[in-house]
Amino acid sequence: MLEFLDLLCAALIARDDEDVRLLLRHPVGRELPREVREEALAIAALPVESHRAPMKTLWFRYAMEQLQRDEFAFLHSPQLDLPFIPPLPSSLVLVPPQESDQDAALAEQHSWR
């Protein structure tokens, strides 16, 4: 994939419309994200004097390089364990206070006025 993206970036920087379209018709080119394909077609159609850089394509290439680099990194790193925190005993669970009969009578007295 990285070799393909290198070819695509080179064709985009050279504004080689034929090579860009040929690369985008390739099976790997069809798997590219929509934004990258659209940018490639737009930049390929620009004149050679244009200074627009294929930023989305370059970013996608960078992201693929990072994924390839980190693909097997987990094999060389220790496993991360989350500490087990046991649940609180039921005696420590907070329960809302019950309304007393006196409070209920007081609330009733004030509500009908």
Protein backbone atom coordinates (compact mmCIF):
# COMPACT_ATOMS: atom_id res chain seq x y z
CA MET A 1 0.00 0.00 0.00
CA LEU A 2 2.82 2.41 0.85
CA GLU A 3 4.51 1.80 -2.51
CA PHE A 4 1.20 2.49 -4.26
CA LEU A 5 0.72 5.71 -2.29
CA ASP A 6 4.29 6.78 -3.11
CA LEU A 7 3.50 6.33 -6.81
CA LEU A 8 0.25 8.24 -6.46
CA CYS A 9 1.91 11.13 -4.60
CA ALA A 10 4.66 11.33 -7.22
CA ALA A 11 2.07 11.41 -10.01
CA LEU A 12 0.07 14.08 -8.18
CA ILE A 13 3.09 16.29 -7.58
CA ALA A 14 4.06 15.93 -11.26
CA ARG A 15 0.42 16.67 -12.24
CA ASP A 16 0.47 13.58 -14.46
CA ASP A 17 -3.25 13.18 -15.18
CA GLU A 18 -2.83 9.89 -17.06
CA ASP A 19 -0.82 8.21 -14.29
CA VAL A 20 -3.20 9.43 -11.59
CA ARG A 21 -6.24 8.06 -13.41
CA LEU A 22 -4.43 4.79 -14.14
CA LEU A 23 -3.47 4.41 -10.46
CA LEU A 24 -7.01 5.20 -9.29
CA ARG A 25 -8.38 2.46 -11.59
CA HIS A 26 -6.03 -0.07 -9.99
CA PRO A 27 -7.72 -2.37 -7.38
CA VAL A 28 -5.70 -0.74 -4.60
CA GLY A 29 -6.72 2.68 -5.90
CA ARG A 30 -10.37 1.72 -5.62
CA GLU A 31 -9.90 1.00 -1.91
CA LEU A 32 -8.70 4.52 -1.13
CA PRO A 33 -10.98 6.77 0.92
CA ARG A 34 -13.35 8.93 -1.09
CA GLU A 35 -11.64 12.15 0.02
CA VAL A 36 -8.26 10.93 -1.23
CA ARG A 37 -9.69 9.85 -4.60
CA GLU A 38 -11.53 13.15 -5.06
CA GLU A 39 -8.45 15.16 -4.15
CA ALA A 40 -6.31 13.12 -6.56
CA LEU A 41 -8.69 13.75 -9.44
CA ALA A 42 -8.95 17.46 -8.62
CA ILE A 43 -5.19 17.97 -8.35
CA ALA A 44 -4.47 15.95 -11.49
CA ALA A 45 -6.77 18.27 -13.43
CA LEU A 46 -4.88 21.39 -12.27
CA PRO A 47 -2.24 23.00 -14.47
CA VAL A 48 1.42 22.11 -13.90
CA GLU A 49 2.07 25.63 -12.55
CA SER A 50 -0.35 25.06 -9.66
CA HIS A 51 1.17 24.86 -6.19
CA ARG A 52 -1.59 22.87 -4.52
CA ALA A 53 -0.21 19.96 -2.52
CA PRO A 54 -2.03 16.62 -2.14
CA MET A 55 -2.49 17.06 1.62
CA LYS A 56 -5.18 14.39 2.13
CA THR A 57 -3.19 11.87 0.13
CA LEU A 58 0.00 12.68 2.02
CA TRP A 59 -1.82 12.47 5.36
CA PHE A 60 -3.35 9.12 4.37
CA ARG A 61 0.09 7.83 3.39
CA TYR A 62 1.48 8.95 6.76
CA ALA A 63 -1.40 7.24 8.61
CA MET A 64 -0.83 3.98 6.68
CA GLU A 65 2.88 4.15 7.50
CA GLN A 66 2.11 4.55 11.20
CA LEU A 67 -0.31 1.63 11.11
CA GLN A 68 2.24 -0.58 9.40
CA ARG A 69 4.91 0.43 11.88
CA ASP A 70 2.68 -0.27 14.90
CA GLU A 71 1.00 -3.37 13.47
CA PHE A 72 3.02 -5.84 15.53
CA ALA A 73 4.17 -3.52 18.31
CA PHE A 74 1.87 -5.25 20.76
CA LEU A 75 3.98 -8.42 20.44
CA HIS A 76 6.99 -6.64 21.93
CA SER A 77 5.26 -4.76 24.73
CA PRO A 78 4.04 -6.08 28.07
CA GLN A 79 0.34 -6.63 28.45
CA LEU A 80 -1.46 -3.83 30.20
CA ASP A 81 -3.59 -4.98 33.11
CA LEU A 82 -6.28 -2.95 34.77
CA PRO A 83 -6.31 -3.23 38.55
CA PHE A 84 -9.26 -5.09 40.01
CA ILE A 85 -11.20 -3.00 42.49
CA PRO A 86 -13.72 -5.09 44.40
CA PRO A 87 -17.20 -3.63 44.84
CA LEU A 88 -18.10 -1.86 48.06
CA PRO A 89 -19.79 -3.96 50.76
CA SER A 90 -23.54 -3.44 50.89
CA SER A 91 -23.25 -1.77 54.31
CA LEU A 92 -21.35 1.11 52.70
CA VAL A 93 -23.86 1.75 49.92
CA LEU A 94 -25.53 5.09 50.43
CA VAL A 95 -29.33 4.91 50.69
CA PRO A 96 -31.46 8.06 50.58
CA PRO A 97 -33.05 8.85 53.97
CA GLN A 98 -36.67 7.84 54.48
CA GLU A 99 -39.22 10.57 54.95
CA SER A 100 -40.54 10.53 58.51
CA ASP A 101 -44.25 10.72 59.36
CA GLN A 102 -43.72 14.14 60.90
CA ASP A 103 -42.09 15.46 57.70
CA ALA A 104 -44.93 14.05 55.60
CA ALA A 105 -47.56 15.68 57.82
CA LEU A 106 -45.70 19.00 57.65
CA ALA A 107 -45.47 18.80 53.85
CA GLU A 108 -49.18 17.97 53.64
CA GLN A 109 -50.04 20.90 55.88
CA HIS A 110 -48.15 23.37 53.66
CA SER A 111 -49.35 21.99 50.35
CA TRP A 112 -53.08 22.69 50.79
CA ARG A 113 -52.70 26.37 51.74
